[in-house]
């Protein structure tokens, strides 16, 4: 969960919504680097800090493994199976 970050995703917005998004970014958005940490930790873990358990996990904005923000799908049998296919496959290749 990278949270609300400054990025180019909103570059084509115009009018009042563009102004609101810019104001929101200025007020409380994470930098792109800050938001990317959770994605990187979830992909490769942080082995030098003993946080290898982060690999393949949902990492929240406090850089902790959590299931609080997960969709219900990811907590049921189908989601767990999809998780294992993706992450175990990645680790084996």
N, C-alpha and C. Protein backbone atom coordinates (compact mmCIF):
# COMPACT_ATOMS: atom_id res chain seq x y z
N UNK A 1 0.85 -1.18 0.00
CA UNK A 1 0.00 0.00 0.00
C UNK A 1 0.89 1.24 0.00
N UNK A 2 1.10 1.84 -1.15
CA UNK A 2 1.94 3.03 -1.18
C UNK A 2 1.25 4.28 -0.64
N UNK A 3 -0.05 4.20 -0.42
CA UNK A 3 -0.77 5.38 0.06
C UNK A 3 -0.92 6.43 -1.04
N UNK A 4 -1.28 7.62 -0.65
CA UNK A 4 -1.46 8.72 -1.59
C UNK A 4 -0.10 9.39 -1.81
N UNK A 5 0.42 9.26 -3.02
CA UNK A 5 1.76 9.74 -3.33
C UNK A 5 1.75 10.74 -4.47
N UNK A 6 2.75 11.58 -4.48
CA UNK A 6 2.99 12.46 -5.62
C UNK A 6 3.43 11.57 -6.77
N UNK A 7 2.77 11.70 -7.91
CA UNK A 7 3.15 10.89 -9.06
C UNK A 7 2.62 11.53 -10.33
N UNK A 8 2.99 10.94 -11.45
CA UNK A 8 2.52 11.43 -12.73
C UNK A 8 1.17 10.85 -13.14
N UNK A 9 0.57 10.04 -12.29
CA UNK A 9 -0.71 9.43 -12.64
C UNK A 9 -1.82 10.45 -12.88
N UNK A 10 -1.71 11.59 -12.27
CA UNK A 10 -2.75 12.61 -12.40
C UNK A 10 -2.35 13.74 -13.36
N UNK A 11 -1.33 13.54 -14.15
CA UNK A 11 -0.80 14.61 -15.00
C UNK A 11 -1.77 15.10 -16.07
N UNK A 12 -2.73 14.29 -16.48
CA UNK A 12 -3.67 14.70 -17.52
C UNK A 12 -4.97 15.28 -16.98
N UNK A 13 -5.06 15.42 -15.67
CA UNK A 13 -6.25 16.05 -15.08
C UNK A 13 -6.25 17.54 -15.40
N UNK A 14 -7.42 18.12 -15.45
CA UNK A 14 -7.51 19.56 -15.66
C UNK A 14 -8.69 20.11 -14.87
N UNK A 15 -8.75 21.40 -14.78
CA UNK A 15 -9.86 22.06 -14.11
C UNK A 15 -9.80 21.92 -12.60
N UNK A 16 -10.96 22.00 -11.96
CA UNK A 16 -11.03 21.99 -10.50
C UNK A 16 -10.46 20.73 -9.86
N UNK A 17 -10.65 19.57 -10.49
CA UNK A 17 -10.12 18.34 -9.91
C UNK A 17 -8.60 18.35 -9.91
N UNK A 18 -7.97 18.91 -10.94
CA UNK A 18 -6.51 19.00 -10.99
C UNK A 18 -6.02 19.91 -9.87
N UNK A 19 -6.71 21.01 -9.65
CA UNK A 19 -6.33 21.94 -8.59
C UNK A 19 -6.48 21.27 -7.22
N UNK A 20 -7.58 20.54 -7.02
CA UNK A 20 -7.78 19.85 -5.74
C UNK A 20 -6.70 18.81 -5.50
N UNK A 21 -6.39 18.03 -6.52
CA UNK A 21 -5.35 17.01 -6.38
C UNK A 21 -4.00 17.63 -6.06
N UNK A 22 -3.67 18.73 -6.71
CA UNK A 22 -2.40 19.43 -6.45
C UNK A 22 -2.37 19.93 -5.01
N UNK A 23 -3.47 20.51 -4.54
CA UNK A 23 -3.54 20.98 -3.15
C UNK A 23 -3.40 19.82 -2.17
N UNK A 24 -4.06 18.70 -2.47
CA UNK A 24 -3.95 17.53 -1.61
C UNK A 24 -2.53 16.98 -1.60
N UNK A 25 -1.88 16.93 -2.76
CA UNK A 25 -0.49 16.47 -2.81
C UNK A 25 0.39 17.37 -1.95
N UNK A 26 0.23 18.68 -2.09
CA UNK A 26 1.04 19.62 -1.32
C UNK A 26 0.78 19.47 0.18
N UNK A 27 -0.45 19.15 0.55
CA UNK A 27 -0.81 19.10 1.96
C UNK A 27 -0.37 17.81 2.66
N UNK A 28 -0.57 16.66 2.00
CA UNK A 28 -0.31 15.44 2.77
C UNK A 28 0.16 14.22 1.97
N UNK A 29 0.50 14.36 0.72
CA UNK A 29 0.93 13.19 -0.05
C UNK A 29 2.35 12.78 0.33
N UNK A 30 2.59 11.48 0.25
CA UNK A 30 3.94 10.96 0.43
C UNK A 30 4.73 11.23 -0.84
N UNK A 31 6.04 11.29 -0.71
CA UNK A 31 6.86 11.39 -1.91
C UNK A 31 6.78 10.04 -2.63
N UNK A 32 7.15 10.02 -3.89
CA UNK A 32 7.15 8.77 -4.65
C UNK A 32 8.08 7.76 -4.00
N UNK A 33 9.21 8.21 -3.52
CA UNK A 33 10.17 7.32 -2.87
C UNK A 33 9.58 6.73 -1.59
N UNK A 34 8.93 7.55 -0.78
CA UNK A 34 8.32 7.04 0.47
C UNK A 34 7.25 5.99 0.16
N UNK A 35 6.41 6.27 -0.82
CA UNK A 35 5.35 5.34 -1.16
C UNK A 35 5.86 4.05 -1.77
N UNK A 36 6.99 4.12 -2.44
CA UNK A 36 7.51 2.92 -3.11
C UNK A 36 8.09 1.91 -2.12
N UNK A 37 8.42 2.33 -0.93
CA UNK A 37 9.05 1.42 0.03
C UNK A 37 8.19 0.19 0.29
N UNK A 38 6.89 0.39 0.52
CA UNK A 38 6.03 -0.75 0.81
C UNK A 38 5.99 -1.73 -0.35
N UNK A 39 6.00 -1.21 -1.58
CA UNK A 39 5.99 -2.09 -2.75
C UNK A 39 7.29 -2.88 -2.85
N UNK A 40 8.40 -2.23 -2.61
CA UNK A 40 9.70 -2.90 -2.68
C UNK A 40 9.81 -3.94 -1.56
N UNK A 41 9.43 -3.55 -0.33
CA UNK A 41 9.50 -4.50 0.79
C UNK A 41 8.62 -5.72 0.52
N UNK A 42 7.44 -5.50 -0.06
CA UNK A 42 6.55 -6.61 -0.37
C UNK A 42 7.09 -7.51 -1.47
N UNK A 43 7.89 -6.94 -2.37
CA UNK A 43 8.46 -7.73 -3.48
C UNK A 43 9.71 -8.49 -3.07
N UNK A 44 10.63 -7.82 -2.42
CA UNK A 44 11.92 -8.45 -2.16
C UNK A 44 12.23 -8.64 -0.68
N UNK A 45 11.38 -8.11 0.19
CA UNK A 45 11.65 -8.21 1.61
C UNK A 45 12.79 -7.29 2.00
N UNK A 46 13.21 -7.42 3.22
CA UNK A 46 14.33 -6.63 3.73
C UNK A 46 15.23 -7.59 4.50
N UNK A 47 15.95 -8.48 3.76
CA UNK A 47 16.70 -9.53 4.44
C UNK A 47 17.78 -9.03 5.40
N UNK A 48 18.39 -7.89 5.10
CA UNK A 48 19.46 -7.42 5.99
C UNK A 48 18.93 -7.02 7.36
N UNK A 49 17.64 -6.75 7.46
CA UNK A 49 17.05 -6.40 8.76
C UNK A 49 16.25 -7.54 9.35
N UNK A 50 16.37 -8.73 8.78
CA UNK A 50 15.63 -9.87 9.29
C UNK A 50 14.15 -9.81 8.97
N UNK A 51 13.78 -9.00 7.99
CA UNK A 51 12.36 -8.83 7.65
C UNK A 51 12.00 -9.59 6.38
N UNK A 52 12.60 -10.75 6.17
CA UNK A 52 12.31 -11.54 4.98
C UNK A 52 10.84 -11.93 4.92
N UNK A 53 10.15 -11.90 6.06
CA UNK A 53 8.72 -12.24 6.10
C UNK A 53 7.89 -11.23 5.32
N UNK A 54 8.45 -10.07 4.99
CA UNK A 54 7.72 -9.07 4.22
C UNK A 54 7.52 -9.51 2.77
N UNK A 55 8.39 -10.39 2.27
CA UNK A 55 8.30 -10.80 0.87
C UNK A 55 6.97 -11.48 0.61
N UNK A 56 6.20 -10.93 -0.31
CA UNK A 56 4.91 -11.49 -0.67
C UNK A 56 3.79 -11.10 0.27
N UNK A 57 4.07 -10.24 1.23
CA UNK A 57 3.07 -9.84 2.22
C UNK A 57 2.50 -8.46 1.90
N UNK A 58 1.40 -8.13 2.56
CA UNK A 58 0.85 -6.78 2.49
C UNK A 58 1.60 -5.95 3.52
N UNK A 59 2.31 -4.93 3.05
CA UNK A 59 3.09 -4.07 3.93
C UNK A 59 2.37 -2.74 4.03
N UNK A 60 2.03 -2.34 5.25
CA UNK A 60 1.26 -1.11 5.42
C UNK A 60 2.18 0.11 5.48
N UNK A 61 1.60 1.27 5.68
CA UNK A 61 2.37 2.52 5.65
C UNK A 61 3.31 2.70 6.83
N UNK A 62 3.23 1.81 7.82
CA UNK A 62 4.18 1.85 8.93
C UNK A 62 5.32 0.86 8.70
N UNK A 63 5.37 0.30 7.48
CA UNK A 63 6.38 -0.70 7.11
C UNK A 63 6.29 -1.97 7.95
N UNK A 64 5.07 -2.35 8.29
CA UNK A 64 4.81 -3.59 9.02
C UNK A 64 3.92 -4.49 8.17
N UNK A 65 4.10 -5.80 8.34
CA UNK A 65 3.23 -6.76 7.66
C UNK A 65 1.87 -6.71 8.34
N UNK A 66 0.82 -6.59 7.54
CA UNK A 66 -0.53 -6.44 8.07
C UNK A 66 -1.52 -7.08 7.11
N UNK A 67 -2.67 -7.48 7.62
CA UNK A 67 -3.73 -7.92 6.72
C UNK A 67 -4.94 -7.01 6.83
N UNK A 68 -4.78 -5.92 7.57
CA UNK A 68 -5.88 -4.99 7.80
C UNK A 68 -6.38 -4.32 6.52
N UNK A 69 -5.50 -4.02 5.60
CA UNK A 69 -5.90 -3.35 4.37
C UNK A 69 -6.19 -4.29 3.21
N UNK A 70 -6.07 -5.58 3.45
CA UNK A 70 -6.29 -6.54 2.37
C UNK A 70 -7.76 -6.67 2.02
N UNK A 71 -8.02 -6.86 0.73
CA UNK A 71 -9.38 -7.15 0.29
C UNK A 71 -9.78 -8.53 0.82
N UNK A 72 -11.06 -8.72 1.04
CA UNK A 72 -11.55 -10.00 1.55
C UNK A 72 -11.11 -11.16 0.65
N UNK A 73 -11.06 -10.92 -0.67
CA UNK A 73 -10.63 -11.95 -1.61
C UNK A 73 -9.27 -12.51 -1.23
N UNK A 74 -8.36 -11.68 -0.79
CA UNK A 74 -7.01 -12.12 -0.49
C UNK A 74 -6.93 -12.89 0.82
N UNK A 75 -8.01 -12.88 1.59
CA UNK A 75 -8.03 -13.61 2.86
C UNK A 75 -8.74 -14.95 2.74
N UNK A 76 -9.46 -15.18 1.62
CA UNK A 76 -10.16 -16.46 1.49
C UNK A 76 -9.30 -17.46 0.71
N UNK A 77 -9.82 -18.66 0.56
CA UNK A 77 -9.05 -19.76 -0.05
C UNK A 77 -8.56 -19.43 -1.46
N UNK A 78 -9.41 -18.78 -2.28
CA UNK A 78 -9.02 -18.45 -3.66
C UNK A 78 -7.87 -17.44 -3.66
N UNK A 79 -7.95 -16.46 -2.81
CA UNK A 79 -6.90 -15.45 -2.76
C UNK A 79 -5.59 -16.01 -2.26
N UNK A 80 -5.67 -16.86 -1.26
CA UNK A 80 -4.45 -17.49 -0.73
C UNK A 80 -3.80 -18.36 -1.80
N UNK A 81 -4.63 -19.07 -2.57
CA UNK A 81 -4.10 -19.90 -3.65
C UNK A 81 -3.44 -19.04 -4.72
N UNK A 82 -4.08 -17.91 -5.09
CA UNK A 82 -3.50 -17.00 -6.08
C UNK A 82 -2.18 -16.43 -5.56
N UNK A 83 -2.16 -16.05 -4.29
CA UNK A 83 -0.94 -15.52 -3.66
C UNK A 83 0.19 -16.53 -3.78
N UNK A 84 -0.11 -17.78 -3.43
CA UNK A 84 0.93 -18.81 -3.47
C UNK A 84 1.42 -19.05 -4.90
N UNK A 85 0.51 -19.06 -5.87
CA UNK A 85 0.93 -19.26 -7.26
C UNK A 85 1.86 -18.15 -7.73
N UNK A 86 1.52 -16.92 -7.37
CA UNK A 86 2.33 -15.77 -7.81
C UNK A 86 3.65 -15.74 -7.08
N UNK A 87 3.61 -15.73 -5.75
CA UNK A 87 4.84 -15.52 -4.99
C UNK A 87 5.76 -16.73 -4.97
N UNK A 88 5.20 -17.92 -4.83
CA UNK A 88 6.05 -19.11 -4.85
C UNK A 88 6.67 -19.25 -6.23
N UNK A 89 5.88 -18.99 -7.27
CA UNK A 89 6.40 -19.03 -8.64
C UNK A 89 7.53 -18.03 -8.83
N UNK A 90 7.39 -16.84 -8.28
CA UNK A 90 8.45 -15.82 -8.40
C UNK A 90 9.71 -16.24 -7.69
N UNK A 91 9.55 -16.84 -6.52
CA UNK A 91 10.71 -17.22 -5.74
C UNK A 91 11.46 -18.39 -6.36
N UNK A 92 10.73 -19.24 -7.08
CA UNK A 92 11.37 -20.41 -7.68
C UNK A 92 12.03 -20.10 -9.01
N UNK A 93 11.64 -18.99 -9.64
CA UNK A 93 12.22 -18.70 -10.95
C UNK A 93 13.46 -17.86 -10.85
